[in-house]
C-alpha cells in the first residue's frame, strides 16, 4: 500500500502505528517522501497527534511541525518552518542534539531522552526517515511534556524517603534511652527532610518561664545557641509553647516577640517553625527550625509536628528510665543496708551468746573461788574479764556507727593523725604528709585499732604513718617495727573474730578497720615491713 493513497485518518493511524513499532521506516515508509511533499497534508496530520511533532533534515532545518511543537520550541505562534532548530534552543541543548543525530545516523536506530526547555521537562523520541535508496534523509521528533509526571514522581519519591526517615527515627526513639542522642537524631532528620538551615531542641525549665537549649544543630550559631536560654515571653519559640501548638513564623521582622535567639542576628527573610513537646497537655519543651528565604509550608509544619511527637516520646521514655534507675539504685542501697544490719545483728547475737557469756561465766566462777579462798588472783581474773566485756561493747558501738552509713564529710588527715598520736605517749609515732579525704566519725577508730594492734600484738615501739596523695585517692601507710604477721595468716587478719598471738582479744579490731574503710569507699591491705614489722595500707577517696 502506498502512503499517498491513504486517507487522512489512515495516515494518522499509520504514523501512530509506526511510532509504536519504533518507527521501522526501512520496511514501511519508502514512499513517505510523497507524503512529505504535501505540506498541507503533513501539517493537518501532525496537528492531530497528541504530542509535539516535527520533521527536519539532517542539518536540523525544520521541514514540518505541528502547533504543539511550535509551542514547545519557542512558546509562540511564530512560523518555525524553514529555520534551523539552533535558533530556538540553547547552545548546550543544540550541541547535545547534534551528537545524538550523529549516533542516530550511525546506528539507524531510534533514540529517546529527556530534556528541559523553558522550565518544562519533555520526553523526546527521534526516529530516522529513510529514502528510496535506503539512506536517512530526514528525522522525526516526538516530544511529550512530562513535567507533571516528573513532579508527581519526584513527589512520590520524596514522600517515600520521608516515610522511610520518619519510620527510622521512630525506631531510634524506641531503641535509644540517651535523650541527647535521640534529640540529635530527630534534629538532623527533620532538618534534612524540611531542608532547614538549623534545628534546636529546648527543654522547659522548672520555673516555666525559660527554655534551656539541649541540642543545637546549626552550622553558624551552634555555640551561641547552647549558651543562651530563651524567655518564653520574649521569643517565637515561647509564643508557640504558651499557645501549646505548632506555629510557623514566615515574617519574623513583623513580629513583636523580640529576638528568637539572643546573641544571633535576625535576618530580613528568616523563617521559623516551632513544634512544642506536649505530654498530657503539659509542655515539656520545643523543637525550633529555621531557614533563610523560602517560606515554610503547612506540610512542613506537619512533619515538624510528627518529629516533635517523637521527641516527646523520647523525653518520657528517658524520664521513666531515669526514675526506674533511681528506684533500682535506692532499692539496692536499701537492700545493702538491710544486709549490713542483718550482718551486724548476727555479729551482736554471736558476741552476746558467746563472748560476753564466756566472760560472765569467768567472772561468776572467779567470784565463787574468791569467796572460797580470798585469793587476789581471782580478783585480777574478774577485772580482766570485765575489761574484755567493756571492750566488746565498745567495738559493738563502733560497728553500729559503721553499719548506719552516715554521710561522708571531708577530713584533714594530718589534724586527725596528730590528735590520735597525742593519745599514745608510751610509743614513738612519726607522721608525714597530708591529704583531705572523705570519711565519717569512725575514722578515729580506724587509726586507734591499727595502732593498738601494732602495740598489743606486734610488740612495736615505733610506728611511722606516711600520708601520700595520689590522683583521686589518698594512700596512708602505717608501718611498725614489731614482730610482724606471718605470711600464711595475712589474708585472714581482717576476718570477723580472727585472733592470733597470745594477746588476741576479741578479734574485732582489724575487722572493724576493714568495714569502716569499705564504708568510706576505700580499700585496706597488709604487707610485710622490711627489715621487720607490718605495714597496713589504707586507700581512701580524696575530698
Protein backbone atom coordinates (compact mmCIF):
# COMPACT_ATOMS: atom_id res chain seq x y z
CA UNK A 1 0.00 0.00 0.00
CA UNK A 2 1.37 3.47 -0.97
CA UNK A 3 1.14 6.27 1.64
CA UNK A 4 -0.22 8.73 -0.97
CA UNK A 5 -3.32 6.54 -1.48
CA UNK A 6 -4.18 6.59 2.26
CA UNK A 7 -6.90 8.78 3.71
CA UNK A 8 -6.03 11.33 6.43
CA UNK A 9 -7.42 9.01 9.11
CA UNK A 10 -5.42 6.07 7.73
CA UNK A 11 -2.28 8.21 7.63
CA UNK A 12 -2.74 9.16 11.31
CA UNK A 13 -3.18 5.53 12.27
CA UNK A 14 -0.17 4.55 10.17
CA UNK A 15 2.11 7.17 11.77
CA UNK A 16 0.94 6.19 15.25
CA UNK A 17 1.46 2.54 14.41
CA UNK A 18 4.91 3.27 13.06
CA UNK A 19 5.80 5.22 16.22
CA UNK A 20 4.64 2.35 18.40
CA UNK A 21 6.73 -0.09 16.36
CA UNK A 22 9.85 2.05 16.95
CA UNK A 23 9.25 3.70 13.59
CA UNK A 24 10.85 0.94 11.49
CA UNK A 25 10.67 3.06 8.38
CA UNK A 26 13.21 0.98 6.44
CA UNK A 27 10.50 -1.52 5.53
CA UNK A 28 7.31 0.54 5.71
CA UNK A 29 7.90 4.15 4.58
CA UNK A 30 9.92 4.06 1.40
CA UNK A 31 7.26 6.34 -0.16
CA UNK A 32 6.99 8.72 2.81
CA UNK A 33 8.56 11.39 0.59
CA UNK A 34 5.25 11.54 -1.29
CA UNK A 35 3.56 12.26 2.00
CA UNK A 36 6.09 14.94 2.98
CA UNK A 37 5.67 16.68 -0.35
CA UNK A 38 2.10 17.59 0.54
CA UNK A 39 2.83 20.21 3.26
CA UNK A 40 -0.84 20.95 3.97
CA UNK A 41 -1.46 17.24 4.47
CA UNK A 42 1.63 16.95 6.71
CA UNK A 43 0.57 19.90 8.90
CA UNK A 44 -3.01 18.57 9.23
CA UNK A 45 -1.86 15.09 10.15
CA UNK A 46 0.80 16.22 12.65
CA UNK A 47 -1.71 18.54 14.36
CA UNK A 48 -3.91 15.57 15.11
CA UNK A 49 -1.12 13.84 17.04
CA UNK A 50 -1.31 14.15 20.86
CA UNK A 51 2.26 15.42 21.30
CA UNK A 52 4.79 17.84 19.86
CA UNK A 53 5.89 16.55 16.44
CA UNK A 54 8.31 17.96 13.90
CA UNK A 55 10.24 16.76 10.90
CA UNK A 56 13.66 18.16 9.99
CA UNK A 57 16.59 17.37 7.76
CA UNK A 58 19.95 16.17 8.98
CA UNK A 59 21.18 19.74 9.31
CA UNK A 60 18.34 20.44 11.81
CA UNK A 61 16.38 22.59 9.34
CA UNK A 62 12.68 22.27 10.18
CA UNK A 63 10.59 20.87 7.31
CA UNK A 64 7.24 20.48 9.05
CA UNK A 65 5.76 20.59 12.58
CA UNK A 66 2.52 20.84 14.45
CA UNK A 67 1.25 23.63 16.73
CA UNK A 68 2.34 21.79 19.89
CA UNK A 69 5.89 21.69 18.53
CA UNK A 70 5.82 25.43 17.85
CA UNK A 71 4.79 25.99 21.48
CA UNK A 72 7.46 23.54 22.60
CA UNK A 73 10.22 25.24 20.59
CA UNK A 74 9.55 28.93 21.01
CA UNK A 75 6.43 29.36 23.15
CA UNK A 76 4.70 31.42 20.41
CA UNK A 77 2.76 31.23 17.11
CA UNK A 78 5.89 32.17 15.19
CA UNK A 79 6.48 30.27 11.94
CA UNK A 80 9.44 27.96 12.55
CA UNK A 81 9.41 26.04 9.25
CA UNK A 82 12.50 26.71 7.16
CA UNK A 83 14.66 27.67 10.16
CA UNK A 84 17.33 25.65 11.84
CA UNK A 85 16.46 24.36 15.30
CA UNK A 86 19.54 26.15 16.66
CA UNK A 87 17.63 29.46 16.51
CA UNK A 88 15.12 28.30 19.13
CA UNK A 89 17.05 26.22 21.66
CA UNK A 90 20.05 26.73 23.96
CA UNK A 91 23.61 26.20 22.74
CA UNK A 92 24.01 23.32 25.20
CA UNK A 93 20.82 21.59 24.03
CA UNK A 94 21.77 22.09 20.37
CA UNK A 95 25.28 20.65 20.87
CA UNK A 96 23.88 17.58 22.64
CA UNK A 97 21.24 17.18 19.91
CA UNK A 98 23.84 17.20 17.14
CA UNK A 99 25.72 14.40 18.95
CA UNK A 100 22.52 12.38 19.19
CA UNK A 101 21.78 12.88 15.47
CA UNK A 102 25.27 11.58 14.66
CA UNK A 103 24.55 8.49 16.73
CA UNK A 104 21.17 8.07 15.01
CA UNK A 105 22.78 8.21 11.55
CA UNK A 106 25.49 5.76 12.60
CA UNK A 107 23.15 3.17 14.14
CA UNK A 108 19.97 3.82 12.19
CA UNK A 109 18.04 3.12 15.40
CA UNK A 110 15.57 5.40 17.20
CA UNK A 111 16.73 7.29 20.34
CA UNK A 112 14.89 8.56 23.39
CA UNK A 113 15.91 11.03 26.10
CA UNK A 114 14.59 13.71 28.43
CA UNK A 115 15.30 17.42 28.09
CA UNK A 116 14.28 20.61 29.90
CA UNK A 117 13.10 23.51 27.76
CA UNK A 118 11.53 26.73 29.04
CA UNK A 119 11.47 25.21 32.60
CA UNK A 120 9.43 22.22 31.46
CA UNK A 121 10.56 18.62 31.06
CA UNK A 122 9.96 16.71 27.82
CA UNK A 123 10.38 13.08 26.87
CA UNK A 124 11.74 13.08 23.31
CA UNK A 125 11.81 10.24 20.75
CA UNK A 126 13.71 10.74 17.48
CA UNK A 127 13.33 8.40 14.50
CA UNK A 128 15.16 8.20 11.18
CA UNK A 129 13.31 8.55 7.85
CA UNK A 130 14.83 6.51 5.06
CA UNK A 131 14.67 7.43 1.34
CA UNK A 132 14.11 5.02 -1.53
CA UNK A 133 17.85 4.36 -1.67
CA UNK A 134 17.70 3.26 1.98
CA UNK A 135 19.58 6.31 3.29
CA UNK A 136 18.49 8.53 6.17
CA UNK A 137 17.27 11.83 4.77
CA UNK A 138 15.06 13.29 7.49
CA UNK A 139 14.35 12.87 11.19
CA UNK A 140 11.00 12.89 13.00
CA UNK A 141 10.79 14.22 16.58
CA UNK A 142 8.03 13.36 19.01
CA UNK A 143 8.08 15.35 22.27
CA UNK A 144 5.79 14.71 25.22
CA UNK A 145 5.55 17.15 28.15
CA UNK A 146 6.22 15.07 31.28
CA UNK A 147 6.65 17.94 33.74
CA UNK A 148 3.58 16.98 35.76
CA UNK A 149 4.54 13.30 35.69
CA UNK A 150 8.09 14.14 36.80
CA UNK A 151 6.83 16.33 39.61
CA UNK A 152 4.41 13.64 40.69
CA UNK A 153 7.18 11.02 40.54
CA UNK A 154 9.56 13.25 42.48
CA UNK A 155 6.80 13.96 44.98
CA UNK A 156 6.20 10.22 45.42
CA UNK A 157 9.95 9.67 45.82
CA UNK A 158 10.16 12.44 48.43
CA UNK A 159 7.18 11.00 50.26
CA UNK A 160 8.77 7.57 50.21
CA UNK A 161 12.06 8.98 51.55
CA UNK A 162 10.16 10.99 54.16
CA UNK A 163 8.26 7.90 55.26
CA UNK A 164 11.48 5.84 55.49
CA UNK A 165 13.18 8.53 57.56
CA UNK A 166 10.17 9.01 59.79
CA UNK A 167 9.99 5.25 60.44
CA UNK A 168 13.75 5.03 61.03
CA UNK A 169 13.58 7.92 63.50
CA UNK A 170 10.66 6.25 65.27
CA UNK A 171 12.75 3.07 65.61
CA UNK A 172 15.68 5.04 67.05
CA UNK A 173 13.39 6.80 69.54
CA UNK A 174 12.14 3.46 70.84
CA UNK A 175 15.54 1.74 70.95
CA UNK A 176 17.69 4.52 72.48
CA UNK A 177 17.37 5.85 76.04
CA UNK A 178 20.10 8.50 75.73
CA UNK A 179 17.90 11.59 75.42
CA UNK A 180 20.58 13.85 73.93
CA UNK A 181 21.43 11.25 71.30
CA UNK A 182 17.75 10.83 70.37
CA UNK A 183 17.21 14.60 70.15
CA UNK A 184 20.27 14.91 67.88
CA UNK A 185 18.87 12.21 65.56
CA UNK A 186 15.49 13.97 65.50
CA UNK A 187 17.08 17.37 64.83
CA UNK A 188 19.21 16.11 61.93
CA UNK A 189 16.42 14.11 60.29
CA UNK A 190 13.78 16.84 60.44
CA UNK A 191 16.37 19.37 59.18
CA UNK A 192 17.16 17.20 56.15
CA UNK A 193 13.52 16.46 55.35
CA UNK A 194 12.38 20.07 55.63
CA UNK A 195 15.63 21.47 54.20
CA UNK A 196 16.09 23.81 57.16
CA UNK A 197 19.27 25.70 57.98
CA UNK A 198 19.28 24.78 61.67
CA UNK A 199 17.34 23.00 64.41
CA UNK A 200 17.37 23.46 68.20
CA UNK A 201 15.67 21.36 70.87
CA UNK A 202 14.66 23.20 74.06
CA UNK A 203 13.53 21.86 77.43
CA UNK A 204 11.17 23.96 79.52
CA UNK A 205 12.75 24.97 82.83
CA UNK A 206 11.08 24.06 86.14
CA UNK A 207 10.05 27.69 86.66
CA UNK A 208 8.06 27.51 83.39
CA UNK A 209 9.48 30.86 82.28
CA UNK A 210 12.53 29.93 80.25
CA UNK A 211 13.58 27.34 77.69
CA UNK A 212 17.00 25.72 78.02
CA UNK A 213 18.73 24.57 74.79
CA UNK A 214 19.79 20.91 74.99
CA UNK A 215 20.71 20.07 71.38
CA UNK A 216 21.54 22.50 68.58
CA UNK A 217 22.39 21.56 65.01
CA UNK A 218 23.36 24.82 63.35
CA UNK A 219 26.46 25.38 61.18
CA UNK A 220 26.72 29.07 62.17
CA UNK A 221 25.43 29.70 65.68
CA UNK A 222 25.53 26.34 67.48
CA UNK A 223 27.82 27.50 70.34
CA UNK A 224 25.88 30.75 70.87
CA UNK A 225 22.55 28.89 70.90
CA UNK A 226 23.65 26.35 73.50
CA UNK A 227 24.91 29.09 75.82
CA UNK A 228 21.68 31.09 75.84
CA UNK A 229 18.33 30.10 77.41
CA UNK A 230 15.38 31.99 75.94
CA UNK A 231 12.45 33.63 77.68
CA UNK A 232 9.00 32.29 76.76
CA UNK A 233 7.58 35.84 76.93
CA UNK A 234 10.18 37.26 74.55
CA UNK A 235 10.72 34.66 71.82
CA UNK A 236 8.96 32.99 68.92
CA UNK A 237 9.54 29.56 70.47
CA UNK A 238 7.98 30.83 73.70
CA UNK A 239 4.93 32.05 71.80
CA UNK A 240 4.26 28.55 70.44
CA UNK A 241 4.98 26.98 73.85
CA UNK A 242 2.45 29.29 75.54
CA UNK A 243 -0.12 28.54 72.84
CA UNK A 244 0.61 24.79 73.12
CA UNK A 245 0.51 24.37 69.35
CA UNK A 246 2.82 24.18 66.33
CA UNK A 247 3.36 27.53 64.63
CA UNK A 248 5.02 28.97 61.50
CA UNK A 249 6.74 32.36 61.58
CA UNK A 250 7.38 33.37 57.97
CA UNK A 251 7.55 37.11 58.74
CA UNK A 252 9.85 37.37 61.74
CA UNK A 253 10.54 41.09 61.16
CA UNK A 254 6.87 41.99 61.69
CA UNK A 255 6.57 40.03 64.93
CA UNK A 256 6.85 41.88 68.24
CA UNK A 257 8.24 38.95 70.25
CA UNK A 258 11.83 40.20 70.05
CA UNK A 259 14.88 38.11 69.30
CA UNK A 260 14.43 34.40 68.74
CA UNK A 261 17.96 33.64 69.97
CA UNK A 262 19.79 36.39 71.90
CA UNK A 263 23.30 36.85 70.59
CA UNK A 264 22.46 35.88 66.99
CA UNK A 265 21.37 38.11 64.13
CA UNK A 266 17.76 38.46 62.96
CA UNK A 267 17.63 38.43 59.15
CA UNK A 268 15.01 40.03 56.94
CA UNK A 269 13.89 36.77 55.33
CA UNK A 270 14.45 34.33 58.21
CA UNK A 271 11.64 31.79 58.66
CA UNK A 272 10.83 29.66 61.70
CA UNK A 273 8.80 26.58 62.59
CA UNK A 274 8.17 25.83 66.27
CA UNK A 275 6.72 22.49 67.38
CA UNK A 276 6.21 22.08 71.17
CA UNK A 277 6.73 18.77 73.01
CA UNK A 278 3.36 18.16 74.68
CA UNK A 279 2.51 15.28 77.02
CA UNK A 280 -0.82 15.07 78.88
CA UNK A 281 -1.47 18.72 77.96
CA UNK A 282 1.80 19.69 79.63
CA UNK A 283 4.61 21.32 77.62
CA UNK A 284 8.00 19.67 78.11
CA UNK A 285 9.94 21.73 75.58
CA UNK A 286 10.00 22.56 71.87
CA UNK A 287 11.71 21.96 68.55
CA UNK A 288 12.62 25.07 66.54
CA UNK A 289 13.64 25.01 62.85
CA UNK A 290 14.92 27.96 60.86
CA UNK A 291 15.96 28.75 57.31
CA UNK A 292 16.61 31.78 55.10
CA UNK A 293 14.50 32.63 52.09
CA UNK A 294 11.89 30.02 51.14
CA UNK A 295 8.84 30.14 53.40
CA UNK A 296 7.70 27.16 55.44
CA UNK A 297 4.54 25.33 54.37
CA UNK A 298 1.74 23.56 56.23
CA UNK A 299 3.10 20.21 55.02
CA UNK A 300 6.48 21.01 56.59
CA UNK A 301 4.73 22.09 59.78
CA UNK A 302 3.04 18.68 59.92
CA UNK A 303 6.41 16.95 59.52
CA UNK A 304 7.88 19.06 62.33
CA UNK A 305 4.87 18.19 64.49
CA UNK A 306 5.47 14.46 63.86
CA UNK A 307 9.11 14.73 64.92
CA UNK A 308 8.11 16.78 67.97
CA UNK A 309 5.82 13.89 68.94
CA UNK A 310 8.82 11.55 68.68
CA UNK A 311 10.84 13.90 70.88
CA UNK A 312 8.03 13.89 73.45
CA UNK A 313 8.02 10.08 73.48
CA UNK A 314 11.81 10.10 73.86
CA UNK A 315 11.65 12.54 76.78
CA UNK A 316 9.01 10.49 78.54
CA UNK A 317 10.96 7.28 77.94
CA UNK A 318 14.16 8.86 79.26
CA UNK A 319 12.42 10.26 82.32
CA UNK A 320 10.70 6.96 83.05
CA UNK A 321 14.02 5.18 82.61
CA UNK A 322 15.80 7.68 84.89
CA UNK A 323 13.08 7.28 87.51
CA UNK A 324 13.33 3.49 87.21
CA UNK A 325 17.12 3.65 87.57
CA UNK A 326 16.74 5.88 90.64
CA UNK A 327 14.29 3.44 92.19
CA UNK A 328 16.59 0.50 91.41
CA UNK A 329 19.53 2.36 92.94
CA UNK A 330 17.53 3.22 96.05
CA UNK A 331 16.35 -0.37 96.34
CA UNK A 332 19.91 -1.66 96.04
CA UNK A 333 21.06 0.78 98.72
CA UNK A 334 18.17 -0.31 100.94
CA UNK A 335 18.99 -3.97 100.30
CA UNK A 336 22.63 -3.30 101.14
CA UNK A 337 21.62 -1.57 104.37
CA UNK A 338 19.35 -4.44 105.32
CA UNK A 339 22.13 -6.93 104.59
CA UNK A 340 24.55 -4.86 106.71
CA UNK A 341 22.06 -4.64 109.55
CA UNK A 342 21.47 -8.38 109.37
CA UNK A 343 25.20 -8.98 109.46
CA UNK A 344 25.50 -6.56 112.38
CA UNK A 345 22.67 -8.24 114.30
CA UNK A 346 24.19 -11.65 113.60
CA UNK A 347 27.54 -10.45 114.99
CA UNK A 348 25.91 -8.89 118.07
CA UNK A 349 24.00 -12.10 118.65
CA UNK A 350 27.23 -14.12 118.42
CA UNK A 351 29.04 -11.76 120.79
CA UNK A 352 26.19 -11.81 123.29
CA UNK A 353 25.78 -15.58 123.11
CA UNK A 354 29.42 -16.49 123.06
CA UNK A 355 31.98 -13.86 124.04
CA UNK A 356 30.03 -11.94 126.67
CA UNK A 357 28.53 -15.17 128.03
CA UNK A 358 32.02 -16.64 128.35
CA UNK A 359 33.27 -13.51 130.12
CA UNK A 360 30.33 -13.54 132.53
CA UNK A 361 30.94 -17.26 133.23
CA UNK A 362 34.60 -16.49 134.02
CA UNK A 363 33.52 -13.64 136.33
CA UNK A 364 30.94 -15.84 138.05
CA UNK A 365 33.47 -18.67 138.59
CA UNK A 366 36.17 -16.25 139.80
CA UNK A 367 33.78 -14.62 142.30
CA UNK A 368 32.88 -18.03 143.71
CA UNK A 369 36.54 -19.02 144.02
CA UNK A 370 37.45 -15.67 145.57
CA UNK A 371 34.73 -16.08 148.18
CA UNK A 372 36.06 -19.53 148.98
CA UNK A 373 39.78 -18.69 149.03
CA UNK A 374 40.07 -14.89 149.22
CA UNK A 375 42.96 -15.07 146.77
CA UNK A 376 43.76 -11.74 144.92
CA UNK A 377 44.49 -13.53 141.65
CA UNK A 378 40.77 -14.24 141.24
CA UNK A 379 40.02 -10.52 141.54
CA UNK A 380 42.53 -9.96 138.74
CA UNK A 381 40.68 -12.51 136.58
CA UNK A 382 37.41 -10.71 137.34
CA UNK A 383 38.85 -7.31 136.30
CA UNK A 384 40.36 -8.79 133.14
CA UNK A 385 37.01 -10.30 132.07
CA UNK A 386 35.23 -7.02 132.84
CA UNK A 387 37.72 -5.10 130.66
CA UNK A 388 37.18 -7.61 127.83
CA UNK A 389 33.41 -7.19 128.13
CA UNK A 390 33.73 -3.38 128.08
CA UNK A 391 35.99 -3.63 125.02
CA UNK A 392 33.44 -5.86 123.31
CA UNK A 393 30.65 -3.35 123.98
CA UNK A 394 32.84 -0.51 122.64
CA UNK A 395 33.59 -2.49 119.46
CA UNK A 396 29.87 -3.19 119.03
CA UNK A 397 29.17 0.55 119.19
CA UNK A 398 31.84 1.18 116.56
CA UNK A 399 30.25 -1.41 114.27
CA UNK A 400 26.83 0.16 114.81
CA UNK A 401 28.18 3.51 113.60
CA UNK A 402 29.70 1.86 110.51
CA UNK A 403 26.50 -0.02 109.66
CA UNK A 404 24.39 3.15 109.97
CA UNK A 405 26.26 4.52 106.90
CA UNK A 406 26.28 8.18 107.82
CA UNK A 407 27.06 10.86 105.23
CA UNK A 408 30.75 11.19 104.42
CA UNK A 409 32.45 14.51 105.10
CA UNK A 410 35.91 15.93 104.38
CA UNK A 411 38.68 15.39 106.93
CA UNK A 412 42.16 16.86 107.13
CA UNK A 413 44.23 13.72 107.74
CA UNK A 414 47.18 15.46 109.41
CA UNK A 415 44.90 17.00 112.04
CA UNK A 416 43.21 13.65 112.72
CA UNK A 417 46.54 11.77 112.97
CA UNK A 418 48.15 14.42 115.20
CA UNK A 419 45.23 14.23 117.62
CA UNK A 420 45.41 10.40 117.76
CA UNK A 421 49.20 10.37 118.20
CA UNK A 422 48.87 12.64 121.24
CA UNK A 423 46.94 9.82 123.00
CA UNK A 424 49.81 7.30 122.61
CA UNK A 425 52.64 8.80 124.69
CA UNK A 426 54.37 5.48 125.50
CA UNK A 427 55.32 4.75 121.87
CA UNK A 428 57.25 6.65 119.21
CA UNK A 429 54.86 7.59 116.36
CA UNK A 430 56.13 9.60 113.35
CA UNK A 431 53.69 11.10 110.82
CA UNK A 432 54.46 12.66 107.41
CA UNK A 433 52.38 14.28 104.67
CA UNK A 434 48.80 15.46 104.44
CA UNK A 435 45.65 14.96 102.38
CA UNK A 436 41.92 15.74 102.56
CA UNK A 437 39.79 12.60 102.44
CA UNK A 438 36.12 11.56 102.70
CA UNK A 439 35.13 9.61 105.82
CA UNK A 440 32.89 9.69 108.89
CA UNK A 441 33.46 9.76 112.66
CA UNK A 442 34.73 6.16 112.71
CA UNK A 443 37.96 7.35 111.04
CA UNK A 444 39.47 7.88 114.51
CA UNK A 445 38.54 4.30 115.45
CA UNK A 446 40.35 3.02 112.32
CA UNK A 447 43.67 4.60 113.37
CA UNK A 448 43.20 3.61 117.02
CA UNK A 449 42.58 -0.04 116.09
CA UNK A 450 45.60 -0.24 113.75
CA UNK A 451 47.96 1.40 116.27
CA UNK A 452 46.66 -0.71 119.19
CA UNK A 453 47.10 -3.84 117.05
CA UNK A 454 50.76 -2.91 116.40
CA UNK A 455 51.37 -2.32 120.13
CA UNK A 456 49.45 -5.26 121.61
CA UNK A 457 50.07 -7.98 119.03
CA UNK A 458 53.12 -6.73 117.18
CA UNK A 459 55.02 -5.57 120.25
CA UNK A 460 56.12 -2.50 118.24
CA UNK A 461 57.79 0.52 119.88
CA UNK A 462 57.98 2.68 116.72
CA UNK A 463 55.22 3.39 114.17
CA UNK A 464 55.53 5.54 111.03
CA UNK A 465 52.39 6.98 109.43
CA UNK A 466 53.02 8.21 105.86
CA UNK A 467 50.25 10.10 104.01
CA UNK A 468 50.72 10.05 100.19
CA UNK A 469 48.30 12.00 97.92
CA UNK A 470 47.52 10.25 94.61
CA UNK A 471 45.43 11.34 91.61
CA UNK A 472 41.94 10.69 93.02
CA UNK A 473 42.82 8.87 96.22
CA UNK A 474 44.99 9.17 99.28
CA UNK A 475 47.29 6.35 100.43
CA UNK A 476 48.04 6.00 104.15
CA UNK A 477 50.88 3.62 105.04
CA UNK A 478 51.05 2.64 108.75
CA UNK A 479 54.36 0.75 109.26
CA UNK A 480 55.60 -0.68 112.58
CA UNK A 481 58.83 -2.38 113.70
CA UNK A 482 57.09 -5.18 115.59
CA UNK A 483 57.26 -8.93 115.26
CA UNK A 484 55.18 -8.88 112.07
CA UNK A 485 52.29 -11.03 110.91
CA UNK A 486 53.09 -14.45 109.43
CA UNK A 487 52.52 -14.60 105.66
CA UNK A 488 50.16 -17.58 105.96
CA UNK A 489 47.60 -15.61 108.01
CA UNK A 490 47.86 -12.16 106.38
CA UNK A 491 44.73 -12.83 104.30
CA UNK A 492 42.75 -13.74 107.44
CA UNK A 493 43.52 -10.91 109.86
CA UNK A 494 40.61 -8.74 108.59
CA UNK A 495 38.09 -11.56 109.01
CA UNK A 496 35.43 -11.34 111.68
CA UNK A 497 36.72 -12.56 115.09
CA UNK A 498 40.01 -13.89 113.74
CA UNK A 499 42.54 -13.96 116.58
CA UNK A 500 46.25 -14.61 116.56
CA UNK A 501 49.01 -14.50 119.16
CA UNK A 502 48.84 -14.89 122.90
CA UNK A 503 47.27 -11.46 123.33
CA UNK A 504 44.40 -11.97 120.87
CA UNK A 505 41.33 -10.38 122.45
CA UNK A 506 38.00 -10.02 120.66
CA UNK A 507 39.41 -10.40 117.17
CA UNK A 508 37.20 -7.48 116.06
CA UNK A 509 39.82 -4.71 115.79
CA UNK A 510 41.05 -5.20 112.20
CA UNK A 511 37.61 -6.46 111.14
CA UNK A 512 36.23 -3.06 112.19
CA UNK A 513 39.07 -1.33 110.30
CA UNK A 514 38.13 -3.16 107.08
CA UNK A 515 34.39 -2.49 107.46
CA UNK A 516 34.96 1.21 108.16
CA UNK A 517 37.35 1.69 105.22
CA UNK A 518 34.92 -0.07 102.86
CA UNK A 519 32.07 2.15 104.09
CA UNK A 520 34.21 5.15 103.05
CA UNK A 521 34.55 3.66 99.55
CA UNK A 522 38.18 2.69 100.21
CA UNK A 523 40.38 -0.40 100.46
CA UNK A 524 42.79 -1.90 103.00
CA UNK A 525 45.61 -4.43 102.68
CA UNK A 526 48.52 -5.76 104.73
CA UNK A 527 52.18 -6.13 103.67
CA UNK A 528 55.45 -7.10 105.34
CA UNK A 529 57.60 -4.20 106.51
CA UNK A 530 61.31 -4.59 105.90
CA UNK A 531 63.53 -5.45 107.69
CA UNK A 532 60.80 -6.48 110.14
CA UNK A 533 57.31 -5.48 111.20
CA UNK A 534 53.99 -4.93 109.41
CA UNK A 535 52.52 -2.39 107.00
CA UNK A 536 48.80 -1.67 106.99
CA UNK A 537 47.93 0.33 103.82
CA UNK A 538 44.68 2.31 103.62
CA UNK A 539 43.36 3.72 100.31
CA UNK A 540 40.74 6.46 100.76
CA UNK A 541 38.90 8.78 98.38
CA UNK A 542 40.11 12.34 98.14
CA UNK A 543 37.70 15.04 99.25
